[in-house]
Amino acid sequence: MKNFLFLIFTINFFINTNSLSAQENENYLEVIANSLPEQYIKSNANLFFTIQIGAFRNKNTSLENLNNIILANENNITKYRLGEFLSYKEAVDYKKMVLSVCKDAFIVSIKNGKRVHIREALKDRPIL
């Protein structure tokens, strides 16, 4: 009986700890999104790099409510992105910060409004 109670306590502890850390991650992501410098919020360039932090079939209101979030709809999937960086290096630097709270964030390259492979983008704009 004692082992069973310990098991229940342990499971409960991990469930509660995980939900707290998810809330903390959401708060940190909000801080990171709000700290995005003005020059990286929206670009008029034909080619830029952005950080994708999520992709969902259904709306994610917590991500949609973030400041500076960019929504992109592709194949009935809403993709949530942060920043529009002219250089790959700037995107890499910002991604490092985002990865501290969003473990599956990655860089996406956009050329003339369409997603292109990173290799193609780097042909036009080498890493600086």
C-alpha atoms as a PDB file:
ATOM      1  CA  MET A   1       0.000   0.000   0.000  1.00  0.00           C
ATOM      2  CA  LYS A   2       2.860   2.359   0.845  1.00  0.00           C
ATOM      3  CA  ASN A   3       4.466   1.777  -2.584  1.00  0.00           C
ATOM      4  CA  PHE A   4       1.151   2.350  -4.295  1.00  0.00           C
ATOM      5  CA  LEU A   5       0.680   5.713  -2.539  1.00  0.00           C
ATOM      6  CA  PHE A   6       4.239   6.681  -3.426  1.00  0.00           C
ATOM      7  CA  LEU A   7       3.546   5.800  -7.074  1.00  0.00           C
ATOM      8  CA  ILE A   8       0.370   7.931  -7.099  1.00  0.00           C
ATOM      9  CA  PHE A   9       2.254  10.829  -5.478  1.00  0.00           C
ATOM     10  CA  THR A  10       5.086  10.556  -8.036  1.00  0.00           C
ATOM     11  CA  ILE A  11       2.721  10.476 -11.004  1.00  0.00           C
ATOM     12  CA  ASN A  12       0.783  13.441  -9.633  1.00  0.00           C
ATOM     13  CA  PHE A  13       4.012  15.360  -9.032  1.00  0.00           C
ATOM     14  CA  PHE A  14       5.207  14.861 -12.615  1.00  0.00           C
ATOM     15  CA  ILE A  15       1.828  15.774 -14.085  1.00  0.00           C
ATOM     16  CA  ASN A  16       1.680  18.999 -12.070  1.00  0.00           C
ATOM     17  CA  THR A  17       5.324  19.855 -12.736  1.00  0.00           C
ATOM     18  CA  ASN A  18       4.878  19.391 -16.475  1.00  0.00           C
ATOM     19  CA  SER A  19       1.827  21.647 -16.588  1.00  0.00           C
ATOM     20  CA  LEU A  20       3.690  24.324 -14.637  1.00  0.00           C
ATOM     21  CA  SER A  21       6.687  24.166 -16.934  1.00  0.00           C
ATOM     22  CA  ALA A  22       4.398  24.388 -19.964  1.00  0.00           C
ATOM     23  CA  GLN A  23       2.913  27.582 -18.519  1.00  0.00           C
ATOM     24  CA  GLU A  24       6.367  28.923 -17.773  1.00  0.00           C
ATOM     25  CA  ASN A  25       7.490  28.085 -21.328  1.00  0.00           C
ATOM     26  CA  GLU A  26       4.472  29.919 -22.692  1.00  0.00           C
ATOM     27  CA  ASN A  27       5.388  32.966 -20.597  1.00  0.00           C
ATOM     28  CA  TYR A  28       9.024  32.827 -21.735  1.00  0.00           C
ATOM     29  CA  LEU A  29       7.921  32.500 -25.365  1.00  0.00           C
ATOM     30  CA  GLU A  30       5.778  35.598 -24.889  1.00  0.00           C
ATOM     31  CA  VAL A  31       8.799  37.494 -23.530  1.00  0.00           C
ATOM     32  CA  ILE A  32      10.932  36.330 -26.469  1.00  0.00           C
ATOM     33  CA  ALA A  33       8.241  37.311 -29.006  1.00  0.00           C
ATOM     34  CA  ASN A  34       7.822  40.731 -27.381  1.00  0.00           C
ATOM     35  CA  SER A  35      11.577  41.327 -27.387  1.00  0.00           C
ATOM     36  CA  LEU A  36      11.826  40.914 -31.164  1.00  0.00           C
ATOM     37  CA  PRO A  37      13.425  44.125 -32.498  1.00  0.00           C
ATOM     38  CA  GLU A  38      11.253  46.221 -34.816  1.00  0.00           C
ATOM     39  CA  GLN A  39      13.495  45.617 -37.837  1.00  0.00           C
ATOM     40  CA  TYR A  40      12.784  41.849 -37.669  1.00  0.00           C
ATOM     41  CA  ILE A  41       9.004  41.977 -37.289  1.00  0.00           C
ATOM     42  CA  LYS A  42       8.091  42.450 -40.951  1.00  0.00           C
ATOM     43  CA  SER A  43      10.329  42.455 -44.005  1.00  0.00           C
ATOM     44  CA  ASN A  44       9.641  43.766 -47.494  1.00  0.00           C
ATOM     45  CA  ALA A  45      12.505  41.713 -48.908  1.00  0.00           C
ATOM     46  CA  ASN A  46      11.948  39.062 -51.568  1.00  0.00           C
ATOM     47  CA  LEU A  47      13.954  36.587 -49.498  1.00  0.00           C
ATOM     48  CA  PHE A  48      14.015  36.239 -45.729  1.00  0.00           C
ATOM     49  CA  PHE A  49      14.340  33.622 -42.994  1.00  0.00           C
ATOM     50  CA  THR A  50      11.818  33.065 -40.214  1.00  0.00           C
ATOM     51  CA  ILE A  51      11.527  30.789 -37.165  1.00  0.00           C
ATOM     52  CA  GLN A  52       8.640  28.325 -37.201  1.00  0.00           C
ATOM     53  CA  ILE A  53       7.484  27.477 -33.690  1.00  0.00           C
ATOM     54  CA  GLY A  54       4.411  25.372 -34.443  1.00  0.00           C
ATOM     55  CA  ALA A  55       2.036  23.953 -37.051  1.00  0.00           C
ATOM     56  CA  PHE A  56      -1.518  22.850 -36.263  1.00  0.00           C
ATOM     57  CA  ARG A  57      -4.681  21.820 -38.077  1.00  0.00           C
ATOM     58  CA  ASN A  58      -6.754  23.524 -35.369  1.00  0.00           C
ATOM     59  CA  LYS A  59      -6.260  27.032 -34.022  1.00  0.00           C
ATOM     60  CA  ASN A  60      -3.783  27.499 -31.217  1.00  0.00           C
ATOM     61  CA  THR A  61      -5.081  30.571 -29.422  1.00  0.00           C
ATOM     62  CA  SER A  62      -2.126  30.838 -27.056  1.00  0.00           C
ATOM     63  CA  LEU A  63       0.236  31.167 -30.042  1.00  0.00           C
ATOM     64  CA  GLU A  64      -2.156  33.390 -31.998  1.00  0.00           C
ATOM     65  CA  ASN A  65      -2.290  35.802 -29.070  1.00  0.00           C
ATOM     66  CA  LEU A  66       1.485  36.315 -29.043  1.00  0.00           C
ATOM     67  CA  ASN A  67       2.706  39.693 -30.233  1.00  0.00           C
ATOM     68  CA  ASN A  68       4.672  39.633 -33.478  1.00  0.00           C
ATOM     69  CA  ILE A  69       3.445  36.155 -34.467  1.00  0.00           C
ATOM     70  CA  ILE A  70       3.166  35.473 -38.191  1.00  0.00           C
ATOM     71  CA  LEU A  71       0.446  33.083 -39.354  1.00  0.00           C
ATOM     72  CA  ALA A  72       0.878  31.164 -42.596  1.00  0.00           C
ATOM     73  CA  ASN A  73      -1.745  28.780 -43.930  1.00  0.00           C
ATOM     74  CA  GLU A  74      -0.397  25.942 -46.046  1.00  0.00           C
ATOM     75  CA  ASN A  75      -2.468  22.877 -46.971  1.00  0.00           C
ATOM     76  CA  ASN A  76      -5.080  23.535 -44.260  1.00  0.00           C
ATOM     77  CA  ILE A  77      -2.378  23.746 -41.598  1.00  0.00           C
ATOM     78  CA  THR A  78      -1.735  26.971 -39.718  1.00  0.00           C
ATOM     79  CA  LYS A  79       1.958  27.584 -39.203  1.00  0.00           C
ATOM     80  CA  TYR A  80       3.140  29.935 -36.480  1.00  0.00           C
ATOM     81  CA  ARG A  81       6.345  31.850 -37.103  1.00  0.00           C
ATOM     82  CA  LEU A  82       8.411  34.571 -35.450  1.00  0.00           C
ATOM     83  CA  GLY A  83      10.582  37.169 -37.162  1.00  0.00           C
ATOM     84  CA  GLU A  84      11.639  37.916 -40.709  1.00  0.00           C
ATOM     85  CA  PHE A  85      15.426  38.023 -40.897  1.00  0.00           C
ATOM     86  CA  LEU A  86      17.427  39.133 -43.931  1.00  0.00           C
ATOM     87  CA  SER A  87      20.432  37.013 -43.013  1.00  0.00           C
ATOM     88  CA  TYR A  88      20.582  33.354 -42.100  1.00  0.00           C
ATOM     89  CA  LYS A  89      22.956  34.160 -39.225  1.00  0.00           C
ATOM     90  CA  GLU A  90      20.421  36.524 -37.626  1.00  0.00           C
ATOM     91  CA  ALA A  91      17.797  33.791 -37.885  1.00  0.00           C
ATOM     92  CA  VAL A  92      20.164  31.239 -36.313  1.00  0.00           C
ATOM     93  CA  ASP A  93      20.916  33.594 -33.416  1.00  0.00           C
ATOM     94  CA  TYR A  94      17.215  34.226 -32.748  1.00  0.00           C
ATOM     95  CA  LYS A  95      16.405  30.515 -33.102  1.00  0.00           C
ATOM     96  CA  LYS A  96      18.896  29.724 -30.324  1.00  0.00           C
ATOM     97  CA  MET A  97      16.899  31.937 -27.998  1.00  0.00           C
ATOM     98  CA  VAL A  98      13.563  30.434 -29.101  1.00  0.00           C
ATOM     99  CA  LEU A  99      14.893  26.875 -28.666  1.00  0.00           C
ATOM    100  CA  SER A 100      15.255  27.518 -24.945  1.00  0.00           C
ATOM    101  CA  VAL A 101      11.443  27.301 -24.681  1.00  0.00           C
ATOM    102  CA  CYS A 102      10.297  25.771 -27.958  1.00  0.00           C
ATOM    103  CA  LYS A 103      12.381  22.641 -28.524  1.00  0.00           C
ATOM    104  CA  ASP A 104      11.177  21.952 -32.063  1.00  0.00           C
ATOM    105  CA  ALA A 105      11.587  25.446 -33.546  1.00  0.00           C
ATOM    106  CA  PHE A 106      13.365  25.610 -36.885  1.00  0.00           C
ATOM    107  CA  ILE A 107      14.315  28.063 -39.621  1.00  0.00           C
ATOM    108  CA  VAL A 108      12.160  28.439 -42.720  1.00  0.00           C
ATOM    109  CA  SER A 109      13.189  30.404 -45.788  1.00  0.00           C
ATOM    110  CA  ILE A 110      10.611  32.419 -47.730  1.00  0.00           C
ATOM    111  CA  LYS A 111      11.273  33.635 -51.272  1.00  0.00           C
ATOM    112  CA  ASN A 112       8.730  35.772 -53.117  1.00  0.00           C
ATOM    113  CA  GLY A 113       6.066  34.797 -50.596  1.00  0.00           C
ATOM    114  CA  LYS A 114       6.639  31.044 -50.927  1.00  0.00           C
ATOM    115  CA  ARG A 115       8.540  28.621 -48.763  1.00  0.00           C
ATOM    116  CA  VAL A 116      11.753  27.383 -50.378  1.00  0.00           C
ATOM    117  CA  HIS A 117      14.439  24.958 -49.280  1.00  0.00           C
ATOM    118  CA  ILE A 118      17.189  26.504 -47.160  1.00  0.00           C
ATOM    119  CA  ARG A 119      19.844  25.434 -49.684  1.00  0.00           C
ATOM    120  CA  GLU A 120      18.112  27.382 -52.442  1.00  0.00           C
ATOM    121  CA  ALA A 121      17.792  30.441 -50.211  1.00  0.00           C
ATOM    122  CA  LEU A 122      21.460  30.294 -49.222  1.00  0.00           C
ATOM    123  CA  LYS A 123      22.490  30.315 -52.890  1.00  0.00           C
ATOM    124  CA  ASP A 124      20.898  33.764 -53.174  1.00  0.00           C
ATOM    125  CA  ARG A 125      21.940  34.992 -49.747  1.00  0.00           C
ATOM    126  CA  PRO A 126      25.014  33.280 -48.322  1.00  0.00           C
ATOM    127  CA  ILE A 127      25.565  32.899 -44.574  1.00  0.00           C
ATOM    128  CA  LEU A 128      27.073  36.093 -43.171  1.00  0.00           C
END
